[in-house]
Amino acid sequence: MPTGRVKVFHPDRQFGFLTAEDGEEVYVHVDDVSGGALRSGDEVTYEVGEGEQGDKAVDVEVVRAAPDDNPVGRTLGQPPTWNDLEERDRRRRQNRRRRR
């Protein structure tokens, strides 16, 4: 049984895509998921079946759910503020002047 991670899942539209271990993307529909909707970042096992437009995931089961505090399933930090960016630029200019 292949394993993968939910790349994106749209509960309102009832479909999404899984990223397999080999990097291939597989379509998934909510009807093929045991236990209801998925969330981005969930680790799943599935079988590959035939869909109308190619391969799709069937018999999808969640192995490990994505953390509640990380709804997109990725570890992303907060983007820098404008003040942080200005401070970085100021330090970079100072270091450039010191090297001259």
N, C-alpha and C. Protein backbone atom coordinates (compact mmCIF):
# COMPACT_ATOMS: atom_id res chain seq x y z
N MET A 1 0.85 -1.18 0.00
CA MET A 1 0.00 0.00 0.00
C MET A 1 0.89 1.24 0.00
N PRO A 2 0.77 2.10 -1.01
CA PRO A 2 1.60 3.31 -1.05
C PRO A 2 1.21 4.28 0.07
N THR A 3 2.17 5.09 0.46
CA THR A 3 1.90 6.13 1.44
C THR A 3 2.22 7.47 0.81
N GLY A 4 1.65 8.51 1.38
CA GLY A 4 1.88 9.85 0.87
C GLY A 4 1.39 10.87 1.87
N ARG A 5 1.42 12.11 1.44
CA ARG A 5 1.00 13.23 2.28
C ARG A 5 -0.01 14.06 1.48
N VAL A 6 -1.01 14.57 2.17
CA VAL A 6 -2.02 15.40 1.52
C VAL A 6 -1.38 16.74 1.18
N LYS A 7 -1.32 17.04 -0.10
CA LYS A 7 -0.76 18.32 -0.53
C LYS A 7 -1.78 19.42 -0.31
N VAL A 8 -2.98 19.21 -0.81
CA VAL A 8 -4.06 20.18 -0.63
C VAL A 8 -5.37 19.42 -0.67
N PHE A 9 -6.33 19.86 0.15
CA PHE A 9 -7.65 19.26 0.13
C PHE A 9 -8.68 20.36 0.35
N HIS A 10 -9.65 20.43 -0.55
CA HIS A 10 -10.71 21.44 -0.48
C HIS A 10 -11.98 20.79 0.04
N PRO A 11 -12.29 20.92 1.34
CA PRO A 11 -13.48 20.26 1.88
C PRO A 11 -14.78 20.78 1.27
N ASP A 12 -14.81 22.04 0.89
CA ASP A 12 -16.03 22.59 0.29
C ASP A 12 -16.26 22.02 -1.12
N ARG A 13 -15.19 21.69 -1.83
CA ARG A 13 -15.31 21.12 -3.18
C ARG A 13 -15.14 19.60 -3.17
N GLN A 14 -14.77 19.05 -2.03
CA GLN A 14 -14.69 17.61 -1.77
C GLN A 14 -13.66 16.87 -2.62
N PHE A 15 -12.53 17.51 -2.88
CA PHE A 15 -11.45 16.82 -3.57
C PHE A 15 -10.12 17.45 -3.19
N GLY A 16 -9.05 16.77 -3.56
CA GLY A 16 -7.71 17.29 -3.30
C GLY A 16 -6.67 16.45 -4.00
N PHE A 17 -5.41 16.65 -3.61
CA PHE A 17 -4.31 15.93 -4.21
C PHE A 17 -3.36 15.43 -3.13
N LEU A 18 -2.84 14.23 -3.34
CA LEU A 18 -1.84 13.64 -2.46
C LEU A 18 -0.50 13.70 -3.18
N THR A 19 0.57 13.82 -2.41
CA THR A 19 1.91 13.70 -2.96
C THR A 19 2.47 12.38 -2.48
N ALA A 20 2.74 11.48 -3.43
CA ALA A 20 3.27 10.16 -3.10
C ALA A 20 4.73 10.27 -2.69
N GLU A 21 5.28 9.19 -2.13
CA GLU A 21 6.69 9.18 -1.70
C GLU A 21 7.63 9.45 -2.86
N ASP A 22 7.25 9.04 -4.07
CA ASP A 22 8.12 9.26 -5.23
C ASP A 22 7.93 10.64 -5.85
N GLY A 23 7.05 11.47 -5.28
CA GLY A 23 6.85 12.84 -5.75
C GLY A 23 5.68 13.00 -6.71
N GLU A 24 5.07 11.91 -7.11
CA GLU A 24 3.94 11.98 -8.03
C GLU A 24 2.69 12.48 -7.30
N GLU A 25 1.87 13.28 -7.98
CA GLU A 25 0.63 13.76 -7.39
C GLU A 25 -0.52 12.87 -7.82
N VAL A 26 -1.42 12.57 -6.88
CA VAL A 26 -2.55 11.69 -7.13
C VAL A 26 -3.82 12.40 -6.68
N TYR A 27 -4.84 12.37 -7.52
CA TYR A 27 -6.15 12.96 -7.21
C TYR A 27 -6.86 12.12 -6.16
N VAL A 28 -7.59 12.78 -5.26
CA VAL A 28 -8.39 12.07 -4.25
C VAL A 28 -9.73 12.77 -4.09
N HIS A 29 -10.80 11.98 -3.99
CA HIS A 29 -12.15 12.51 -3.77
C HIS A 29 -12.60 12.07 -2.38
N VAL A 30 -13.45 12.87 -1.76
CA VAL A 30 -13.89 12.62 -0.39
C VAL A 30 -14.62 11.28 -0.27
N ASP A 31 -15.26 10.81 -1.34
CA ASP A 31 -15.96 9.52 -1.29
C ASP A 31 -15.00 8.34 -1.11
N ASP A 32 -13.73 8.53 -1.46
CA ASP A 32 -12.73 7.47 -1.36
C ASP A 32 -11.94 7.51 -0.06
N VAL A 33 -12.34 8.42 0.84
CA VAL A 33 -11.63 8.59 2.11
C VAL A 33 -12.44 7.96 3.23
N SER A 34 -11.82 7.07 4.00
CA SER A 34 -12.53 6.52 5.16
C SER A 34 -12.37 7.51 6.31
N GLY A 35 -13.47 7.93 6.85
CA GLY A 35 -13.43 8.86 7.98
C GLY A 35 -13.72 10.29 7.58
N GLY A 36 -14.09 10.56 6.35
CA GLY A 36 -14.45 11.92 5.97
C GLY A 36 -13.33 12.68 5.33
N ALA A 37 -13.36 13.99 5.52
CA ALA A 37 -12.44 14.90 4.84
C ALA A 37 -11.02 14.80 5.38
N LEU A 38 -10.08 15.19 4.53
CA LEU A 38 -8.66 15.23 4.89
C LEU A 38 -8.25 16.67 5.15
N ARG A 39 -7.05 16.83 5.72
CA ARG A 39 -6.47 18.16 5.89
C ARG A 39 -5.10 18.16 5.27
N SER A 40 -4.68 19.29 4.78
CA SER A 40 -3.35 19.41 4.21
C SER A 40 -2.31 19.03 5.25
N GLY A 41 -1.39 18.17 4.85
CA GLY A 41 -0.34 17.73 5.75
C GLY A 41 -0.57 16.37 6.37
N ASP A 42 -1.79 15.83 6.26
CA ASP A 42 -2.07 14.49 6.79
C ASP A 42 -1.23 13.46 6.06
N GLU A 43 -0.70 12.49 6.80
CA GLU A 43 0.01 11.37 6.20
C GLU A 43 -1.00 10.25 5.99
N VAL A 44 -1.05 9.69 4.78
CA VAL A 44 -2.08 8.71 4.44
C VAL A 44 -1.51 7.49 3.74
N THR A 45 -2.28 6.40 3.77
CA THR A 45 -2.03 5.24 2.93
C THR A 45 -3.21 5.15 1.97
N TYR A 46 -2.97 4.60 0.78
CA TYR A 46 -4.02 4.54 -0.23
C TYR A 46 -3.69 3.47 -1.26
N GLU A 47 -4.68 3.17 -2.07
CA GLU A 47 -4.51 2.30 -3.23
C GLU A 47 -4.74 3.16 -4.46
N VAL A 48 -4.12 2.79 -5.57
CA VAL A 48 -4.29 3.53 -6.81
C VAL A 48 -5.38 2.84 -7.63
N GLY A 49 -6.37 3.62 -8.04
CA GLY A 49 -7.48 3.11 -8.85
C GLY A 49 -7.62 3.94 -10.11
N GLU A 50 -8.52 3.53 -10.97
CA GLU A 50 -8.77 4.25 -12.21
C GLU A 50 -9.91 5.23 -12.02
N GLY A 51 -9.67 6.47 -12.43
CA GLY A 51 -10.71 7.49 -12.41
C GLY A 51 -11.10 7.85 -13.83
N GLU A 52 -11.99 8.80 -13.98
CA GLU A 52 -12.44 9.23 -15.30
C GLU A 52 -11.29 9.86 -16.10
N GLN A 53 -10.41 10.57 -15.42
CA GLN A 53 -9.34 11.29 -16.12
C GLN A 53 -7.96 10.77 -15.75
N GLY A 54 -7.85 9.54 -15.33
CA GLY A 54 -6.56 8.97 -14.98
C GLY A 54 -6.57 8.32 -13.61
N ASP A 55 -5.37 8.17 -13.05
CA ASP A 55 -5.25 7.53 -11.74
C ASP A 55 -5.84 8.39 -10.63
N LYS A 56 -6.38 7.72 -9.61
CA LYS A 56 -6.86 8.44 -8.43
C LYS A 56 -6.63 7.55 -7.22
N ALA A 57 -6.61 8.16 -6.06
CA ALA A 57 -6.42 7.42 -4.81
C ALA A 57 -7.75 6.88 -4.32
N VAL A 58 -7.75 5.60 -3.94
CA VAL A 58 -8.95 4.98 -3.36
C VAL A 58 -8.56 4.31 -2.05
N ASP A 59 -9.53 4.00 -1.22
CA ASP A 59 -9.29 3.39 0.09
C ASP A 59 -8.26 4.18 0.90
N VAL A 60 -8.45 5.49 0.97
CA VAL A 60 -7.51 6.38 1.65
C VAL A 60 -7.77 6.35 3.15
N GLU A 61 -6.71 6.12 3.93
CA GLU A 61 -6.81 6.12 5.39
C GLU A 61 -5.71 7.00 5.96
N VAL A 62 -6.06 7.79 6.97
CA VAL A 62 -5.09 8.67 7.62
C VAL A 62 -4.23 7.85 8.57
N VAL A 63 -2.90 7.94 8.37
CA VAL A 63 -1.95 7.26 9.26
C VAL A 63 -1.58 8.19 10.40
N ARG A 64 -1.29 9.45 10.05
CA ARG A 64 -0.93 10.44 11.06
C ARG A 64 -1.50 11.78 10.63
N ALA A 65 -2.31 12.37 11.49
CA ALA A 65 -2.95 13.65 11.17
C ALA A 65 -1.96 14.80 11.33
N ALA A 66 -2.17 15.84 10.55
CA ALA A 66 -1.37 17.05 10.67
C ALA A 66 -1.66 17.72 12.00
N PRO A 67 -0.68 18.40 12.60
CA PRO A 67 -0.93 19.07 13.89
C PRO A 67 -2.01 20.14 13.77
N ASP A 68 -2.78 20.32 14.84
CA ASP A 68 -3.86 21.30 14.83
C ASP A 68 -3.37 22.73 14.67
N ASP A 69 -2.19 23.02 15.22
CA ASP A 69 -1.69 24.38 15.14
C ASP A 69 -0.98 24.66 13.82
N ASN A 70 -0.96 23.69 12.91
CA ASN A 70 -0.29 23.86 11.62
C ASN A 70 -1.24 23.37 10.53
N PRO A 71 -2.30 24.14 10.22
CA PRO A 71 -3.34 23.64 9.33
C PRO A 71 -2.90 23.37 7.91
N VAL A 72 -1.84 23.96 7.42
CA VAL A 72 -1.43 23.69 6.05
C VAL A 72 -0.44 22.55 5.98
N GLY A 73 -0.03 22.01 7.12
CA GLY A 73 0.84 20.85 7.11
C GLY A 73 2.28 21.15 6.78
N ARG A 74 2.66 22.37 6.82
CA ARG A 74 4.03 22.74 6.52
C ARG A 74 4.60 23.51 7.69
N THR A 75 5.89 23.48 7.83
CA THR A 75 6.54 24.25 8.88
C THR A 75 7.04 25.54 8.27
N LEU A 76 6.25 26.57 8.40
CA LEU A 76 6.60 27.86 7.86
C LEU A 76 6.64 28.88 8.99
N GLY A 77 7.66 29.71 8.98
CA GLY A 77 7.73 30.77 9.96
C GLY A 77 6.93 31.97 9.49
N GLN A 78 6.75 32.91 10.37
CA GLN A 78 6.06 34.14 9.99
C GLN A 78 6.93 34.91 9.01
N PRO A 79 6.35 35.55 8.01
CA PRO A 79 7.16 36.37 7.11
C PRO A 79 7.72 37.57 7.86
N PRO A 80 8.88 38.07 7.44
CA PRO A 80 9.45 39.21 8.14
C PRO A 80 8.61 40.47 7.94
N THR A 81 8.63 41.33 8.96
CA THR A 81 7.92 42.60 8.85
C THR A 81 8.77 43.57 8.05
N TRP A 82 8.17 44.69 7.67
CA TRP A 82 8.93 45.70 6.92
C TRP A 82 10.08 46.23 7.76
N ASN A 83 9.85 46.38 9.05
CA ASN A 83 10.92 46.86 9.93
C ASN A 83 12.09 45.88 9.97
N ASP A 84 11.78 44.57 10.01
CA ASP A 84 12.84 43.57 9.98
C ASP A 84 13.63 43.63 8.68
N LEU A 85 12.93 43.78 7.58
CA LEU A 85 13.61 43.87 6.28
C LEU A 85 14.49 45.11 6.19
N GLU A 86 13.99 46.23 6.70
CA GLU A 86 14.79 47.46 6.69
C GLU A 86 16.02 47.31 7.57
N GLU A 87 15.86 46.66 8.72
CA GLU A 87 16.99 46.44 9.62
C GLU A 87 18.04 45.55 8.96
N ARG A 88 17.63 44.49 8.29
CA ARG A 88 18.57 43.63 7.58
C ARG A 88 19.34 44.40 6.51
N ASP A 89 18.60 45.24 5.78
CA ASP A 89 19.23 46.03 4.73
C ASP A 89 20.23 47.02 5.32
N ARG A 90 19.87 47.64 6.45
CA ARG A 90 20.77 48.60 7.10
C ARG A 90 22.05 47.90 7.55
N ARG A 91 21.91 46.69 8.16
CA ARG A 91 23.10 45.93 8.59
C ARG A 91 23.97 45.52 7.41
N ARG A 92 23.35 45.14 6.32
CA ARG A 92 24.09 44.75 5.13
C ARG A 92 24.89 45.92 4.58
N ARG A 93 24.28 47.11 4.57
CA ARG A 93 25.00 48.31 4.10
C ARG A 93 26.16 48.64 5.03
N GLN A 94 25.94 48.52 6.36
CA GLN A 94 27.02 48.79 7.31
C GLN A 94 28.19 47.83 7.11
N ASN A 95 27.88 46.55 6.94
CA ASN A 95 28.95 45.57 6.73
C ASN A 95 29.69 45.84 5.43
N ARG A 96 29.00 46.27 4.42
CA ARG A 96 29.65 46.59 3.15
C ARG A 96 30.62 47.75 3.31
N ARG A 97 30.18 48.78 4.09
CA ARG A 97 31.06 49.94 4.32
C ARG A 97 32.29 49.55 5.11
N ARG A 98 32.14 48.64 6.08
CA ARG A 98 33.29 48.22 6.90
C ARG A 98 34.32 47.46 6.05
N ARG A 99 33.89 46.73 5.07
CA ARG A 99 34.81 45.95 4.24
C ARG A 99 35.62 46.82 3.30
N ARG A 100 35.17 48.02 3.01
CA ARG A 100 35.90 48.91 2.08
C ARG A 100 37.12 49.47 2.68
